[in-house]
Amino acid sequence: MTEAAPNFESLLREALSPVEPPEDMVLRLEGALLSITELAADELEAWELSAMRDPRNWARPATAVVVGSAAGTALVLLRARRRAHMDVSHGGVLGGTRKTAERTLKDLRRETRRLLGGR
């Protein structure tokens, strides 16, 4: 029984080791999120404001706002995380928690502006 414990621990440690997703998957996910965000924006642009009076017409724009916001947020976070990971992997060690937080916020602002078209 004592021999099974170390073997079990090593198997568990091996199974739970971090794995980086392939770069192709990250690019596909980014493309899908960008497509969803653009489709939601197109849906909102095509929607007529005069139809707002009837609550039965609120479902499509409300869905577009929720889905577009979620996809846009995920896209911004994905790009900021990838940029931070690339900075660290290329030898640019970020010094300190405060600098890391400032850098992350700067990346999030830049990606949000890019996604919103520079507004």
N, C-alpha and C. Protein backbone atom coordinates (compact mmCIF):
# COMPACT_ATOMS: atom_id res chain seq x y z
N MET A 1 0.82 -1.19 0.00
CA MET A 1 0.00 0.00 0.00
C MET A 1 0.86 1.25 0.00
N THR A 2 2.02 1.19 0.65
CA THR A 2 2.88 2.37 0.68
C THR A 2 3.56 2.61 -0.66
N GLU A 3 3.77 1.56 -1.45
CA GLU A 3 4.39 1.73 -2.76
C GLU A 3 3.44 2.40 -3.76
N ALA A 4 2.15 2.19 -3.61
CA ALA A 4 1.17 2.76 -4.54
C ALA A 4 1.04 4.27 -4.36
N ALA A 5 1.27 4.76 -3.16
CA ALA A 5 1.10 6.20 -2.91
C ALA A 5 2.10 7.05 -3.70
N PRO A 6 3.42 6.77 -3.65
CA PRO A 6 4.33 7.60 -4.45
C PRO A 6 4.05 7.48 -5.95
N ASN A 7 3.71 6.26 -6.41
CA ASN A 7 3.41 6.07 -7.81
C ASN A 7 2.16 6.87 -8.20
N PHE A 8 1.16 6.84 -7.33
CA PHE A 8 -0.06 7.58 -7.59
C PHE A 8 0.23 9.09 -7.60
N GLU A 9 1.05 9.56 -6.69
CA GLU A 9 1.39 10.98 -6.64
C GLU A 9 2.15 11.41 -7.89
N SER A 10 3.07 10.59 -8.35
CA SER A 10 3.82 10.96 -9.56
C SER A 10 2.91 10.96 -10.79
N LEU A 11 2.00 10.00 -10.85
CA LEU A 11 1.05 9.98 -11.97
C LEU A 11 0.13 11.20 -11.93
N LEU A 12 -0.31 11.54 -10.74
CA LEU A 12 -1.17 12.71 -10.60
C LEU A 12 -0.42 13.99 -10.94
N ARG A 13 0.82 14.11 -10.51
CA ARG A 13 1.64 15.28 -10.81
C ARG A 13 1.86 15.39 -12.32
N GLU A 14 2.10 14.27 -12.97
CA GLU A 14 2.31 14.27 -14.42
C GLU A 14 1.03 14.63 -15.16
N ALA A 15 -0.10 14.14 -14.68
CA ALA A 15 -1.37 14.41 -15.35
C ALA A 15 -1.79 15.87 -15.19
N LEU A 16 -1.40 16.49 -14.09
CA LEU A 16 -1.82 17.86 -13.82
C LEU A 16 -0.77 18.90 -14.18
N SER A 17 0.26 18.50 -14.89
CA SER A 17 1.28 19.47 -15.29
C SER A 17 0.70 20.42 -16.32
N PRO A 18 1.09 21.71 -16.26
CA PRO A 18 0.53 22.69 -17.19
C PRO A 18 0.92 22.39 -18.63
N VAL A 19 -0.01 22.61 -19.52
CA VAL A 19 0.21 22.38 -20.95
C VAL A 19 -0.20 23.64 -21.70
N GLU A 20 0.67 24.14 -22.53
CA GLU A 20 0.36 25.30 -23.36
C GLU A 20 -0.39 24.83 -24.59
N PRO A 21 -1.47 25.53 -24.93
CA PRO A 21 -2.20 25.16 -26.14
C PRO A 21 -1.37 25.47 -27.37
N PRO A 22 -1.62 24.74 -28.46
CA PRO A 22 -0.88 25.04 -29.69
C PRO A 22 -1.22 26.44 -30.20
N GLU A 23 -0.27 27.08 -30.83
CA GLU A 23 -0.44 28.45 -31.33
C GLU A 23 -1.60 28.52 -32.33
N ASP A 24 -1.79 27.48 -33.10
CA ASP A 24 -2.88 27.45 -34.07
C ASP A 24 -4.24 27.57 -33.38
N MET A 25 -4.39 26.92 -32.24
CA MET A 25 -5.65 26.98 -31.52
C MET A 25 -5.92 28.39 -31.00
N VAL A 26 -4.90 29.06 -30.53
CA VAL A 26 -5.06 30.43 -30.03
C VAL A 26 -5.48 31.35 -31.17
N LEU A 27 -4.87 31.18 -32.33
CA LEU A 27 -5.24 32.01 -33.49
C LEU A 27 -6.67 31.73 -33.96
N ARG A 28 -7.08 30.47 -33.94
CA ARG A 28 -8.45 30.12 -34.33
C ARG A 28 -9.46 30.71 -33.35
N LEU A 29 -9.14 30.62 -32.06
CA LEU A 29 -10.02 31.18 -31.04
C LEU A 29 -10.13 32.70 -31.18
N GLU A 30 -9.00 33.34 -31.43
CA GLU A 30 -9.00 34.79 -31.63
C GLU A 30 -9.85 35.17 -32.84
N GLY A 31 -9.72 34.42 -33.93
CA GLY A 31 -10.53 34.68 -35.13
C GLY A 31 -12.01 34.48 -34.88
N ALA A 32 -12.36 33.44 -34.14
CA ALA A 32 -13.77 33.19 -33.84
C ALA A 32 -14.35 34.29 -32.95
N LEU A 33 -13.59 34.73 -31.94
CA LEU A 33 -14.06 35.80 -31.07
C LEU A 33 -14.21 37.11 -31.83
N LEU A 34 -13.27 37.39 -32.72
CA LEU A 34 -13.36 38.60 -33.53
C LEU A 34 -14.57 38.55 -34.45
N SER A 35 -14.83 37.41 -35.04
CA SER A 35 -15.99 37.24 -35.91
C SER A 35 -17.30 37.44 -35.15
N ILE A 36 -17.39 36.86 -33.95
CA ILE A 36 -18.59 37.00 -33.13
C ILE A 36 -18.81 38.47 -32.75
N THR A 37 -17.72 39.15 -32.38
CA THR A 37 -17.83 40.57 -32.01
C THR A 37 -18.30 41.40 -33.19
N GLU A 38 -17.76 41.15 -34.37
CA GLU A 38 -18.17 41.90 -35.56
C GLU A 38 -19.62 41.61 -35.94
N LEU A 39 -20.04 40.35 -35.83
CA LEU A 39 -21.43 40.01 -36.14
C LEU A 39 -22.39 40.69 -35.17
N ALA A 40 -22.03 40.74 -33.90
CA ALA A 40 -22.89 41.41 -32.92
C ALA A 40 -22.96 42.91 -33.21
N ALA A 41 -21.84 43.52 -33.57
CA ALA A 41 -21.84 44.94 -33.91
C ALA A 41 -22.68 45.20 -35.15
N ASP A 42 -22.58 44.34 -36.15
CA ASP A 42 -23.39 44.49 -37.36
C ASP A 42 -24.88 44.37 -37.05
N GLU A 43 -25.22 43.43 -36.16
CA GLU A 43 -26.62 43.24 -35.76
C GLU A 43 -27.15 44.51 -35.09
N LEU A 44 -26.36 45.11 -34.24
CA LEU A 44 -26.79 46.33 -33.56
C LEU A 44 -26.89 47.52 -34.51
N GLU A 45 -25.99 47.59 -35.48
CA GLU A 45 -26.04 48.68 -36.45
C GLU A 45 -27.27 48.56 -37.36
N ALA A 46 -27.65 47.34 -37.68
CA ALA A 46 -28.78 47.12 -38.58
C ALA A 46 -30.12 47.29 -37.88
N TRP A 47 -30.11 47.27 -36.57
CA TRP A 47 -31.36 47.35 -35.82
C TRP A 47 -31.89 48.77 -35.83
N GLU A 48 -33.18 48.92 -36.04
CA GLU A 48 -33.79 50.24 -36.12
C GLU A 48 -34.24 50.69 -34.73
N LEU A 49 -33.93 51.91 -34.41
CA LEU A 49 -34.26 52.47 -33.10
C LEU A 49 -35.77 52.60 -32.91
N SER A 50 -36.49 52.77 -34.00
CA SER A 50 -37.94 52.92 -33.90
C SER A 50 -38.61 51.63 -33.40
N ALA A 51 -37.96 50.51 -33.57
CA ALA A 51 -38.52 49.23 -33.12
C ALA A 51 -38.37 49.04 -31.62
N MET A 52 -37.75 49.98 -30.94
CA MET A 52 -37.51 49.86 -29.51
C MET A 52 -38.81 49.96 -28.71
N ARG A 53 -39.83 50.53 -29.28
CA ARG A 53 -41.10 50.71 -28.56
C ARG A 53 -41.77 49.39 -28.23
N ASP A 54 -41.56 48.40 -29.04
CA ASP A 54 -42.21 47.10 -28.83
C ASP A 54 -41.23 46.16 -28.11
N PRO A 55 -41.55 45.76 -26.88
CA PRO A 55 -40.63 44.90 -26.12
C PRO A 55 -40.36 43.53 -26.76
N ARG A 56 -41.23 43.10 -27.64
CA ARG A 56 -41.00 41.82 -28.31
C ARG A 56 -39.79 41.88 -29.22
N ASN A 57 -39.37 43.07 -29.61
CA ASN A 57 -38.22 43.24 -30.50
C ASN A 57 -36.91 43.40 -29.74
N TRP A 58 -36.92 43.33 -28.43
CA TRP A 58 -35.72 43.59 -27.64
C TRP A 58 -34.78 42.38 -27.56
N ALA A 59 -35.25 41.20 -27.87
CA ALA A 59 -34.44 40.00 -27.67
C ALA A 59 -33.17 39.99 -28.54
N ARG A 60 -33.31 40.28 -29.81
CA ARG A 60 -32.13 40.23 -30.69
C ARG A 60 -31.06 41.25 -30.33
N PRO A 61 -31.43 42.53 -30.12
CA PRO A 61 -30.37 43.47 -29.74
C PRO A 61 -29.79 43.19 -28.36
N ALA A 62 -30.62 42.73 -27.43
CA ALA A 62 -30.10 42.40 -26.11
C ALA A 62 -29.11 41.24 -26.19
N THR A 63 -29.45 40.26 -26.99
CA THR A 63 -28.54 39.13 -27.20
C THR A 63 -27.26 39.59 -27.87
N ALA A 64 -27.37 40.46 -28.84
CA ALA A 64 -26.19 40.98 -29.53
C ALA A 64 -25.29 41.75 -28.58
N VAL A 65 -25.87 42.52 -27.67
CA VAL A 65 -25.07 43.27 -26.69
C VAL A 65 -24.35 42.32 -25.75
N VAL A 66 -25.05 41.33 -25.23
CA VAL A 66 -24.45 40.40 -24.28
C VAL A 66 -23.36 39.56 -24.95
N VAL A 67 -23.68 38.97 -26.08
CA VAL A 67 -22.72 38.10 -26.78
C VAL A 67 -21.54 38.90 -27.29
N GLY A 68 -21.81 40.06 -27.86
CA GLY A 68 -20.73 40.90 -28.37
C GLY A 68 -19.81 41.39 -27.27
N SER A 69 -20.39 41.77 -26.14
CA SER A 69 -19.58 42.22 -25.01
C SER A 69 -18.72 41.09 -24.45
N ALA A 70 -19.31 39.93 -24.31
CA ALA A 70 -18.55 38.79 -23.79
C ALA A 70 -17.42 38.40 -24.74
N ALA A 71 -17.71 38.34 -26.03
CA ALA A 71 -16.68 37.98 -27.01
C ALA A 71 -15.60 39.05 -27.08
N GLY A 72 -15.99 40.31 -27.04
CA GLY A 72 -15.02 41.39 -27.06
C GLY A 72 -14.12 41.38 -25.84
N THR A 73 -14.70 41.15 -24.67
CA THR A 73 -13.90 41.07 -23.45
C THR A 73 -12.94 39.90 -23.50
N ALA A 74 -13.43 38.75 -23.95
CA ALA A 74 -12.55 37.58 -24.06
C ALA A 74 -11.42 37.83 -25.05
N LEU A 75 -11.72 38.51 -26.14
CA LEU A 75 -10.71 38.81 -27.15
C LEU A 75 -9.64 39.75 -26.58
N VAL A 76 -10.07 40.77 -25.86
CA VAL A 76 -9.11 41.71 -25.25
C VAL A 76 -8.22 40.98 -24.26
N LEU A 77 -8.82 40.15 -23.41
CA LEU A 77 -8.03 39.41 -22.42
C LEU A 77 -7.08 38.41 -23.07
N LEU A 78 -7.54 37.73 -24.11
CA LEU A 78 -6.70 36.77 -24.81
C LEU A 78 -5.48 37.45 -25.43
N ARG A 79 -5.70 38.58 -26.08
CA ARG A 79 -4.58 39.30 -26.70
C ARG A 79 -3.61 39.85 -25.66
N ALA A 80 -4.13 40.38 -24.56
CA ALA A 80 -3.26 40.91 -23.51
C ALA A 80 -2.46 39.80 -22.86
N ARG A 81 -3.10 38.65 -22.63
CA ARG A 81 -2.40 37.52 -22.02
C ARG A 81 -1.31 36.99 -22.96
N ARG A 82 -1.63 36.92 -24.24
CA ARG A 82 -0.64 36.42 -25.19
C ARG A 82 0.55 37.36 -25.28
N ARG A 83 0.28 38.68 -25.27
CA ARG A 83 1.37 39.65 -25.32
C ARG A 83 2.24 39.56 -24.06
N ALA A 84 1.62 39.41 -22.90
CA ALA A 84 2.38 39.29 -21.65
C ALA A 84 3.20 38.01 -21.66
N HIS A 85 2.63 36.93 -22.17
CA HIS A 85 3.36 35.66 -22.23
C HIS A 85 4.54 35.77 -23.19
N MET A 86 4.35 36.47 -24.31
CA MET A 86 5.44 36.63 -25.27
C MET A 86 6.55 37.50 -24.68
N ASP A 87 6.18 38.53 -23.90
CA ASP A 87 7.20 39.38 -23.28
C ASP A 87 8.06 38.59 -22.32
N VAL A 88 7.45 37.76 -21.51
CA VAL A 88 8.20 36.97 -20.53
C VAL A 88 9.03 35.89 -21.23
N SER A 89 8.47 35.25 -22.25
CA SER A 89 9.20 34.17 -22.92
C SER A 89 10.37 34.68 -23.76
N HIS A 90 10.36 35.96 -24.13
CA HIS A 90 11.46 36.53 -24.90
C HIS A 90 12.48 37.23 -24.02
N GLY A 91 12.49 36.91 -22.74
CA GLY A 91 13.51 37.44 -21.85
C GLY A 91 13.15 38.74 -21.20
N GLY A 92 12.03 39.32 -21.51
CA GLY A 92 11.61 40.57 -20.89
C GLY A 92 10.92 40.30 -19.57
N VAL A 93 11.70 40.04 -18.55
CA VAL A 93 11.14 39.72 -17.24
C VAL A 93 10.53 40.99 -16.65
N LEU A 94 9.27 40.90 -16.32
CA LEU A 94 8.59 42.05 -15.74
C LEU A 94 8.95 42.14 -14.27
N GLY A 95 9.42 43.29 -13.85
CA GLY A 95 9.87 43.44 -12.48
C GLY A 95 8.79 43.92 -11.55
N GLY A 96 8.37 43.09 -10.65
CA GLY A 96 7.44 43.50 -9.61
C GLY A 96 5.99 43.39 -10.00
N THR A 97 5.18 43.28 -8.98
CA THR A 97 3.74 43.13 -9.19
C THR A 97 3.13 44.41 -9.73
N ARG A 98 3.57 45.55 -9.24
CA ARG A 98 3.00 46.81 -9.69
C ARG A 98 3.26 47.04 -11.18
N LYS A 99 4.48 46.79 -11.62
CA LYS A 99 4.79 46.97 -13.04
C LYS A 99 3.99 46.00 -13.90
N THR A 100 3.82 44.79 -13.41
CA THR A 100 3.03 43.80 -14.15
C THR A 100 1.59 44.27 -14.28
N ALA A 101 1.02 44.76 -13.20
CA ALA A 101 -0.36 45.25 -13.23
C ALA A 101 -0.50 46.46 -14.16
N GLU A 102 0.45 47.38 -14.09
CA GLU A 102 0.41 48.55 -14.97
C GLU A 102 0.51 48.15 -16.43
N ARG A 103 1.40 47.22 -16.71
CA ARG A 103 1.57 46.75 -18.08
C ARG A 103 0.30 46.06 -18.59
N THR A 104 -0.32 45.26 -17.74
CA THR A 104 -1.55 44.56 -18.12
C THR A 104 -2.67 45.55 -18.39
N LEU A 105 -2.83 46.55 -17.54
CA LEU A 105 -3.86 47.56 -17.76
C LEU A 105 -3.61 48.35 -19.04
N LYS A 106 -2.36 48.65 -19.31
CA LYS A 106 -2.01 49.37 -20.54
C LYS A 106 -2.38 48.52 -21.77
N ASP A 107 -2.05 47.22 -21.71
CA ASP A 107 -2.39 46.32 -22.81
C ASP A 107 -3.90 46.21 -22.99
N LEU A 108 -4.63 46.13 -21.88
CA LEU A 108 -6.10 46.03 -21.96
C LEU A 108 -6.69 47.28 -22.58
N ARG A 109 -6.19 48.46 -22.21
CA ARG A 109 -6.68 49.70 -22.82
C ARG A 109 -6.40 49.73 -24.31
N ARG A 110 -5.17 49.35 -24.69
CA ARG A 110 -4.79 49.38 -26.10
C ARG A 110 -5.65 48.41 -26.92
N GLU A 111 -5.86 47.20 -26.41
CA GLU A 111 -6.67 46.22 -27.15
C GLU A 111 -8.13 46.65 -27.22
N THR A 112 -8.64 47.26 -26.16
CA THR A 112 -10.02 47.72 -26.17
C THR A 112 -10.20 48.82 -27.20
N ARG A 113 -9.25 49.76 -27.25
CA ARG A 113 -9.32 50.83 -28.26
C ARG A 113 -9.25 50.26 -29.66
N ARG A 114 -8.38 49.28 -29.87
CA ARG A 114 -8.24 48.68 -31.20
C ARG A 114 -9.53 47.99 -31.61
N LEU A 115 -10.15 47.29 -30.65
CA LEU A 115 -11.37 46.57 -30.94
C LEU A 115 -12.54 47.50 -31.22
N LEU A 116 -12.58 48.64 -30.52
CA LEU A 116 -13.66 49.60 -30.72
C LEU A 116 -13.40 50.55 -31.88
N GLY A 117 -12.30 50.38 -32.56
CA GLY A 117 -12.02 51.19 -33.73
C GLY A 117 -11.41 52.53 -33.41
N GLY A 118 -10.65 52.62 -32.33
CA GLY A 118 -9.95 53.85 -31.98
C GLY A 118 -10.82 54.91 -31.35
N ARG A 119 -11.98 54.52 -30.86
CA ARG A 119 -12.86 55.51 -30.22
C ARG A 119 -12.36 55.91 -28.87
